[in-house]
Amino acid sequence: MTTPDHPSPASQPPVPAGKDRIYRSPLGLAGGALLLLVVLWLGFDALFKGDGRTPWLALAGLILVVPLILAFTLRPAVFANEERLRVRNPFRVISLPWGEVAGLRSGYTNEVLAKSGGKYQLWAIPVSLRARKKAARRQQRAADAARGGTPGGRGGLGPSGLGLGGFALRGPDTGPARADTDKVMDDLRELLDQHGTAEPAQGEVGVRWAYEVVAPALAGAVLLAILLATG
């Protein structure tokens, strides 16, 4: 007898989690890249052309400032798949299985709430009252047009979610007008509703400090303080 060509289900490897959906702020990336370019230009100019203690001060300033620019502009991101939500903030990386997520809240900031009581801000999904008001006005104009009235009414703030233009996952505009980060938060809430009780989405919340950002920034601050104190 020949053995089956396909292994039994028990011997098959576990199916990996789906590919991460990645959420970042395009304006944050663009602003960070521009700011980093300016700082490096000025810093290296002072480093190679400065006199006396200027090159040392420029070096200390670069060691301090560059990691902070990277941390607050280019680093923040939110990764979501069927098993967990991973939040990469300026100084920490928080991994939350969906089973440990109590909810997602939008106010003046967008936050994820853990069942253990922890609250973590989503730096990569910033708040923009301007974008939200603009979406509310579009929704009001659409409602006025549907009633046969004159479009252009001014709408107030909605109940939840704030946005910043430029996010991906911007589907066809078939539903109510909403700010882009409202749509991102809705997408995360949908993942929570779908996978919050699934077995692969259970576990513990993990928090890791970003020492690759903190260590050089502290070193630059100490070096700059020593230079200024001995000047």
C-alpha atoms as a PDB file:
ATOM      1  CA  MET A   1       0.000   0.000   0.000  1.00  0.00           C
ATOM      2  CA  THR A   2       1.147   3.534  -0.694  1.00  0.00           C
ATOM      3  CA  THR A   3       1.025   6.292   1.842  1.00  0.00           C
ATOM      4  CA  PRO A   4      -1.179   9.296   1.176  1.00  0.00           C
ATOM      5  CA  ASP A   5       0.436  12.169  -0.669  1.00  0.00           C
ATOM      6  CA  HIS A   6      -1.031  14.728   1.766  1.00  0.00           C
ATOM      7  CA  PRO A   7      -0.221  14.676   5.486  1.00  0.00           C
ATOM      8  CA  SER A   8      -2.980  14.363   8.013  1.00  0.00           C
ATOM      9  CA  PRO A   9      -4.382  17.604   9.472  1.00  0.00           C
ATOM     10  CA  ALA A  10      -2.701  16.885  12.808  1.00  0.00           C
ATOM     11  CA  SER A  11       0.742  16.812  11.158  1.00  0.00           C
ATOM     12  CA  GLN A  12       0.318  19.997   9.163  1.00  0.00           C
ATOM     13  CA  PRO A  13       2.110  23.121  10.451  1.00  0.00           C
ATOM     14  CA  PRO A  14      -0.036  25.841  11.957  1.00  0.00           C
ATOM     15  CA  VAL A  15      -1.361  28.424   9.564  1.00  0.00           C
ATOM     16  CA  PRO A  16       0.501  31.693  10.119  1.00  0.00           C
ATOM     17  CA  ALA A  17      -1.347  34.884  10.952  1.00  0.00           C
ATOM     18  CA  GLY A  18      -2.422  37.060   8.083  1.00  0.00           C
ATOM     19  CA  LYS A  19      -0.191  39.777   6.748  1.00  0.00           C
ATOM     20  CA  ASP A  20      -0.024  42.887   8.887  1.00  0.00           C
ATOM     21  CA  ARG A  21      -2.023  45.924   7.954  1.00  0.00           C
ATOM     22  CA  ILE A  22       0.251  48.896   8.547  1.00  0.00           C
ATOM     23  CA  TYR A  23      -1.046  52.337   9.492  1.00  0.00           C
ATOM     24  CA  ARG A  24       1.225  55.381   9.492  1.00  0.00           C
ATOM     25  CA  SER A  25       0.842  59.129   9.165  1.00  0.00           C
ATOM     26  CA  PRO A  26       1.996  60.303   5.713  1.00  0.00           C
ATOM     27  CA  LEU A  27       2.247  63.900   6.902  1.00  0.00           C
ATOM     28  CA  GLY A  28       4.298  62.770   9.891  1.00  0.00           C
ATOM     29  CA  LEU A  29       6.673  60.871   7.603  1.00  0.00           C
ATOM     30  CA  ALA A  30       7.033  63.808   5.223  1.00  0.00           C
ATOM     31  CA  GLY A  31       7.517  66.329   8.026  1.00  0.00           C
ATOM     32  CA  GLY A  32      10.011  64.102   9.797  1.00  0.00           C
ATOM     33  CA  ALA A  33      12.057  63.528   6.656  1.00  0.00           C
ATOM     34  CA  LEU A  34      12.179  67.263   5.943  1.00  0.00           C
ATOM     35  CA  LEU A  35      13.097  68.150   9.530  1.00  0.00           C
ATOM     36  CA  LEU A  36      15.754  65.436   9.611  1.00  0.00           C
ATOM     37  CA  LEU A  37      17.266  66.754   6.374  1.00  0.00           C
ATOM     38  CA  VAL A  38      17.483  70.301   7.759  1.00  0.00           C
ATOM     39  CA  VAL A  39      18.988  69.173  11.076  1.00  0.00           C
ATOM     40  CA  LEU A  40      21.591  66.977   9.380  1.00  0.00           C
ATOM     41  CA  TRP A  41      22.510  69.750   6.964  1.00  0.00           C
ATOM     42  CA  LEU A  42      23.015  72.313   9.723  1.00  0.00           C
ATOM     43  CA  GLY A  43      24.670  69.806  12.046  1.00  0.00           C
ATOM     44  CA  PHE A  44      27.215  68.508   9.555  1.00  0.00           C
ATOM     45  CA  ASP A  45      27.952  72.023   8.388  1.00  0.00           C
ATOM     46  CA  ALA A  46      28.805  73.021  11.954  1.00  0.00           C
ATOM     47  CA  LEU A  47      30.630  69.741  12.529  1.00  0.00           C
ATOM     48  CA  PHE A  48      33.022  70.064   9.586  1.00  0.00           C
ATOM     49  CA  LYS A  49      33.298  73.834   9.241  1.00  0.00           C
ATOM     50  CA  GLY A  50      32.947  75.057  12.830  1.00  0.00           C
ATOM     51  CA  ASP A  51      35.777  76.364  14.982  1.00  0.00           C
ATOM     52  CA  GLY A  52      36.762  75.690  18.569  1.00  0.00           C
ATOM     53  CA  ARG A  53      34.141  73.774  20.536  1.00  0.00           C
ATOM     54  CA  THR A  54      31.473  74.176  17.851  1.00  0.00           C
ATOM     55  CA  PRO A  55      32.068  70.762  16.228  1.00  0.00           C
ATOM     56  CA  TRP A  56      31.732  69.019  19.600  1.00  0.00           C
ATOM     57  CA  LEU A  57      28.537  70.897  20.389  1.00  0.00           C
ATOM     58  CA  ALA A  58      27.185  70.034  16.943  1.00  0.00           C
ATOM     59  CA  LEU A  59      28.051  66.361  17.446  1.00  0.00           C
ATOM     60  CA  ALA A  60      26.333  66.244  20.841  1.00  0.00           C
ATOM     61  CA  GLY A  61      23.307  68.035  19.431  1.00  0.00           C
ATOM     62  CA  LEU A  62      23.026  65.575  16.549  1.00  0.00           C
ATOM     63  CA  ILE A  63      23.292  62.567  18.869  1.00  0.00           C
ATOM     64  CA  LEU A  64      20.491  64.042  20.981  1.00  0.00           C
ATOM     65  CA  VAL A  65      18.151  65.446  18.335  1.00  0.00           C
ATOM     66  CA  VAL A  66      18.292  62.898  15.507  1.00  0.00           C
ATOM     67  CA  PRO A  67      16.945  59.938  17.566  1.00  0.00           C
ATOM     68  CA  LEU A  68      14.133  62.148  18.892  1.00  0.00           C
ATOM     69  CA  ILE A  69      13.132  63.247  15.379  1.00  0.00           C
ATOM     70  CA  LEU A  70      13.124  59.629  14.248  1.00  0.00           C
ATOM     71  CA  ALA A  71      11.146  58.576  17.322  1.00  0.00           C
ATOM     72  CA  PHE A  72       8.358  61.127  16.983  1.00  0.00           C
ATOM     73  CA  THR A  73       7.970  61.278  13.190  1.00  0.00           C
ATOM     74  CA  LEU A  74       9.323  58.278  11.277  1.00  0.00           C
ATOM     75  CA  ARG A  75       9.081  55.547  13.914  1.00  0.00           C
ATOM     76  CA  PRO A  76       5.383  55.529  14.960  1.00  0.00           C
ATOM     77  CA  ALA A  77       3.300  52.849  13.264  1.00  0.00           C
ATOM     78  CA  VAL A  78       0.387  50.541  14.031  1.00  0.00           C
ATOM     79  CA  PHE A  79       0.458  46.925  12.822  1.00  0.00           C
ATOM     80  CA  ALA A  80      -2.699  44.823  12.900  1.00  0.00           C
ATOM     81  CA  ASN A  81      -3.422  41.260  11.836  1.00  0.00           C
ATOM     82  CA  GLU A  82      -5.888  38.555  12.808  1.00  0.00           C
ATOM     83  CA  GLU A  83      -4.096  37.767  16.073  1.00  0.00           C
ATOM     84  CA  ARG A  84      -2.859  40.997  17.582  1.00  0.00           C
ATOM     85  CA  LEU A  85      -2.439  44.734  17.464  1.00  0.00           C
ATOM     86  CA  ARG A  86       1.132  46.008  17.680  1.00  0.00           C
ATOM     87  CA  VAL A  87       1.634  49.684  18.473  1.00  0.00           C
ATOM     88  CA  ARG A  88       5.047  51.208  17.804  1.00  0.00           C
ATOM     89  CA  ASN A  89       5.178  54.499  19.688  1.00  0.00           C
ATOM     90  CA  PRO A  90       8.191  56.831  20.059  1.00  0.00           C
ATOM     91  CA  PHE A  91       9.702  55.062  23.073  1.00  0.00           C
ATOM     92  CA  ARG A  92       7.762  51.800  23.399  1.00  0.00           C
ATOM     93  CA  VAL A  93       6.404  48.893  21.388  1.00  0.00           C
ATOM     94  CA  ILE A  94       3.146  47.489  22.752  1.00  0.00           C
ATOM     95  CA  SER A  95       1.841  44.126  21.582  1.00  0.00           C
ATOM     96  CA  LEU A  96      -1.809  43.459  22.404  1.00  0.00           C
ATOM     97  CA  PRO A  97      -3.550  40.208  21.438  1.00  0.00           C
ATOM     98  CA  TRP A  98      -7.110  41.020  20.377  1.00  0.00           C
ATOM     99  CA  GLY A  99      -8.391  38.989  23.315  1.00  0.00           C
ATOM    100  CA  GLU A 100      -6.763  41.497  25.678  1.00  0.00           C
ATOM    101  CA  VAL A 101      -8.120  44.607  23.948  1.00  0.00           C
ATOM    102  CA  ALA A 102     -11.060  46.141  25.805  1.00  0.00           C
ATOM    103  CA  GLY A 103     -11.773  48.767  23.183  1.00  0.00           C
ATOM    104  CA  LEU A 104     -10.498  51.529  20.928  1.00  0.00           C
ATOM    105  CA  ARG A 105     -11.300  55.092  21.916  1.00  0.00           C
ATOM    106  CA  SER A 106     -11.188  58.291  19.882  1.00  0.00           C
ATOM    107  CA  GLY A 107     -11.140  61.660  21.567  1.00  0.00           C
ATOM    108  CA  TYR A 108      -8.418  64.271  21.437  1.00  0.00           C
ATOM    109  CA  THR A 109      -6.135  61.302  20.811  1.00  0.00           C
ATOM    110  CA  ASN A 110      -6.748  57.811  19.447  1.00  0.00           C
ATOM    111  CA  GLU A 111      -6.125  55.166  22.094  1.00  0.00           C
ATOM    112  CA  VAL A 112      -6.335  51.418  22.645  1.00  0.00           C
ATOM    113  CA  LEU A 113      -7.587  50.215  26.031  1.00  0.00           C
ATOM    114  CA  ALA A 114      -6.364  46.930  27.494  1.00  0.00           C
ATOM    115  CA  LYS A 115      -8.498  44.725  29.731  1.00  0.00           C
ATOM    116  CA  SER A 116      -5.754  44.941  32.353  1.00  0.00           C
ATOM    117  CA  GLY A 117      -6.428  48.674  32.628  1.00  0.00           C
ATOM    118  CA  GLY A 118      -3.587  49.938  30.446  1.00  0.00           C
ATOM    119  CA  LYS A 119      -4.170  52.788  28.023  1.00  0.00           C
ATOM    120  CA  TYR A 120      -1.869  53.297  25.049  1.00  0.00           C
ATOM    121  CA  GLN A 121      -1.924  56.185  22.616  1.00  0.00           C
ATOM    122  CA  LEU A 122      -1.776  55.437  18.887  1.00  0.00           C
ATOM    123  CA  TRP A 123       0.883  57.939  17.815  1.00  0.00           C
ATOM    124  CA  ALA A 124       0.722  56.785  14.199  1.00  0.00           C
ATOM    125  CA  ILE A 125      -2.977  57.711  13.961  1.00  0.00           C
ATOM    126  CA  PRO A 126      -2.981  61.374  15.011  1.00  0.00           C
ATOM    127  CA  VAL A 127      -5.991  63.548  15.608  1.00  0.00           C
ATOM    128  CA  SER A 128      -7.056  66.396  13.316  1.00  0.00           C
ATOM    129  CA  LEU A 129     -10.106  68.397  14.307  1.00  0.00           C
ATOM    130  CA  ARG A 130      -9.881  70.237  10.997  1.00  0.00           C
ATOM    131  CA  ALA A 131     -10.212  67.031   8.958  1.00  0.00           C
ATOM    132  CA  ARG A 132     -13.074  65.885  11.125  1.00  0.00           C
ATOM    133  CA  LYS A 133     -14.957  69.165  10.778  1.00  0.00           C
ATOM    134  CA  LYS A 134     -14.410  69.060   7.023  1.00  0.00           C
ATOM    135  CA  ALA A 135     -15.883  65.546   6.868  1.00  0.00           C
ATOM    136  CA  ALA A 136     -18.844  66.679   8.987  1.00  0.00           C
ATOM    137  CA  ARG A 137     -19.504  69.564   6.582  1.00  0.00           C
ATOM    138  CA  ARG A 138     -19.422  67.204   3.599  1.00  0.00           C
ATOM    139  CA  GLN A 139     -21.877  64.918   5.357  1.00  0.00           C
ATOM    140  CA  GLN A 140     -24.154  67.862   6.151  1.00  0.00           C
ATOM    141  CA  ARG A 141     -24.093  69.042   2.531  1.00  0.00           C
ATOM    142  CA  ALA A 142     -24.938  65.532   1.339  1.00  0.00           C
ATOM    143  CA  ALA A 143     -27.839  65.377   3.805  1.00  0.00           C
ATOM    144  CA  ASP A 144     -29.109  68.785   2.641  1.00  0.00           C
ATOM    145  CA  ALA A 145     -28.908  67.696  -0.978  1.00  0.00           C
ATOM    146  CA  ALA A 146     -30.778  64.465  -0.215  1.00  0.00           C
ATOM    147  CA  ARG A 147     -33.577  66.492   1.378  1.00  0.00           C
ATOM    148  CA  GLY A 148     -33.673  68.805  -1.610  1.00  0.00           C
ATOM    149  CA  GLY A 149     -32.380  71.755   0.403  1.00  0.00           C
ATOM    150  CA  THR A 150     -29.443  74.024  -0.208  1.00  0.00           C
ATOM    151  CA  PRO A 151     -26.112  72.301   0.418  1.00  0.00           C
ATOM    152  CA  GLY A 152     -23.486  73.978   2.518  1.00  0.00           C
ATOM    153  CA  GLY A 153     -24.746  73.648   6.080  1.00  0.00           C
ATOM    154  CA  ARG A 154     -22.135  73.547   8.761  1.00  0.00           C
ATOM    155  CA  GLY A 155     -21.945  70.298  10.672  1.00  0.00           C
ATOM    156  CA  GLY A 156     -20.645  69.851  14.191  1.00  0.00           C
ATOM    157  CA  LEU A 157     -18.264  67.304  15.588  1.00  0.00           C
ATOM    158  CA  GLY A 158     -19.310  63.692  15.375  1.00  0.00           C
ATOM    159  CA  PRO A 159     -19.357  61.267  18.291  1.00  0.00           C
ATOM    160  CA  SER A 160     -16.063  59.554  17.709  1.00  0.00           C
ATOM    161  CA  GLY A 161     -12.858  59.417  15.700  1.00  0.00           C
ATOM    162  CA  LEU A 162     -10.602  62.196  14.513  1.00  0.00           C
ATOM    163  CA  GLY A 163      -8.548  62.179  11.369  1.00  0.00           C
ATOM    164  CA  LEU A 164      -5.569  63.354   9.370  1.00  0.00           C
ATOM    165  CA  GLY A 165      -5.653  63.243   5.597  1.00  0.00           C
ATOM    166  CA  GLY A 166      -3.512  60.911   3.543  1.00  0.00           C
ATOM    167  CA  PHE A 167      -4.037  57.532   5.175  1.00  0.00           C
ATOM    168  CA  ALA A 168      -4.264  54.408   3.108  1.00  0.00           C
ATOM    169  CA  LEU A 169      -7.273  52.108   3.110  1.00  0.00           C
ATOM    170  CA  ARG A 170      -9.388  54.851   1.668  1.00  0.00           C
ATOM    171  CA  GLY A 171     -12.109  52.942  -0.155  1.00  0.00           C
ATOM    172  CA  PRO A 172     -14.832  54.214  -2.468  1.00  0.00           C
ATOM    173  CA  ASP A 173     -16.838  57.049  -0.974  1.00  0.00           C
ATOM    174  CA  THR A 174     -20.108  55.173  -0.713  1.00  0.00           C
ATOM    175  CA  GLY A 175     -20.895  55.718   2.978  1.00  0.00           C
ATOM    176  CA  PRO A 176     -21.180  58.791   5.159  1.00  0.00           C
ATOM    177  CA  ALA A 177     -18.340  61.283   4.845  1.00  0.00           C
ATOM    178  CA  ARG A 178     -15.765  60.617   7.549  1.00  0.00           C
ATOM    179  CA  ALA A 179     -12.247  61.728   8.335  1.00  0.00           C
ATOM    180  CA  ASP A 180      -9.565  59.273   7.263  1.00  0.00           C
ATOM    181  CA  THR A 181      -8.477  58.286  10.753  1.00  0.00           C
ATOM    182  CA  ASP A 182     -12.119  57.655  11.649  1.00  0.00           C
ATOM    183  CA  LYS A 183     -12.013  55.015   8.921  1.00  0.00           C
ATOM    184  CA  VAL A 184      -8.760  53.602  10.285  1.00  0.00           C
ATOM    185  CA  MET A 185     -10.228  53.299  13.780  1.00  0.00           C
ATOM    186  CA  ASP A 186     -13.359  51.667  12.332  1.00  0.00           C
ATOM    187  CA  ASP A 187     -11.124  49.170  10.567  1.00  0.00           C
ATOM    188  CA  LEU A 188      -9.353  48.312  13.834  1.00  0.00           C
ATOM    189  CA  ARG A 189     -12.677  47.980  15.659  1.00  0.00           C
ATOM    190  CA  GLU A 190     -13.855  45.593  12.971  1.00  0.00           C
ATOM    191  CA  LEU A 191     -10.759  43.432  13.476  1.00  0.00           C
ATOM    192  CA  LEU A 192     -11.427  43.464  17.230  1.00  0.00           C
ATOM    193  CA  ASP A 193     -15.051  42.391  16.734  1.00  0.00           C
ATOM    194  CA  GLN A 194     -14.054  39.605  14.352  1.00  0.00           C
ATOM    195  CA  HIS A 195     -11.088  38.143  16.235  1.00  0.00           C
ATOM    196  CA  GLY A 196     -11.450  39.232  19.863  1.00  0.00           C
ATOM    197  CA  THR A 197     -12.700  35.809  20.981  1.00  0.00           C
ATOM    198  CA  ALA A 198     -10.627  33.654  18.605  1.00  0.00           C
ATOM    199  CA  GLU A 199      -8.198  31.203  20.182  1.00  0.00           C
ATOM    200  CA  PRO A 200      -5.082  32.440  18.304  1.00  0.00           C
ATOM    201  CA  ALA A 201      -5.845  35.997  19.455  1.00  0.00           C
ATOM    202  CA  GLN A 202      -5.407  35.238  23.179  1.00  0.00           C
ATOM    203  CA  GLY A 203      -2.321  35.977  25.247  1.00  0.00           C
ATOM    204  CA  GLU A 204      -0.705  38.639  27.360  1.00  0.00           C
ATOM    205  CA  VAL A 205       0.074  42.272  26.678  1.00  0.00           C
ATOM    206  CA  GLY A 206       3.758  42.848  25.987  1.00  0.00           C
ATOM    207  CA  VAL A 207       5.553  46.175  26.374  1.00  0.00           C
ATOM    208  CA  ARG A 208       9.139  46.724  25.237  1.00  0.00           C
ATOM    209  CA  TRP A 209      11.072  49.957  25.692  1.00  0.00           C
ATOM    210  CA  ALA A 210      12.873  51.258  22.602  1.00  0.00           C
ATOM    211  CA  TYR A 211      16.385  51.416  24.022  1.00  0.00           C
ATOM    212  CA  GLU A 212      17.730  51.989  20.509  1.00  0.00           C
ATOM    213  CA  VAL A 213      16.080  55.424  20.727  1.00  0.00           C
ATOM    214  CA  VAL A 214      16.449  56.174  24.444  1.00  0.00           C
ATOM    215  CA  ALA A 215      20.147  55.252  24.788  1.00  0.00           C
ATOM    216  CA  PRO A 216      21.622  57.549  22.094  1.00  0.00           C
ATOM    217  CA  ALA A 217      19.325  60.410  23.068  1.00  0.00           C
ATOM    218  CA  LEU A 218      20.463  60.143  26.704  1.00  0.00           C
ATOM    219  CA  ALA A 219      24.094  59.914  25.605  1.00  0.00           C
ATOM    220  CA  GLY A 220      23.711  63.046  23.508  1.00  0.00           C
ATOM    221  CA  ALA A 221      22.004  64.887  26.362  1.00  0.00           C
ATOM    222  CA  VAL A 222      24.782  63.952  28.810  1.00  0.00           C
ATOM    223  CA  LEU A 223      27.522  64.943  26.346  1.00  0.00           C
ATOM    224  CA  LEU A 224      25.811  68.259  25.587  1.00  0.00           C
ATOM    225  CA  ALA A 225      25.368  68.980  29.299  1.00  0.00           C
ATOM    226  CA  ILE A 226      29.055  68.285  29.976  1.00  0.00           C
ATOM    227  CA  LEU A 227      30.154  70.531  27.120  1.00  0.00           C
ATOM    228  CA  LEU A 228      27.913  73.376  28.237  1.00  0.00           C
ATOM    229  CA  ALA A 229      28.985  72.980  31.881  1.00  0.00           C
ATOM    230  CA  THR A 230      32.690  73.027  31.032  1.00  0.00           C
ATOM    231  CA  GLY A 231      32.408  75.874  28.540  1.00  0.00           C
END
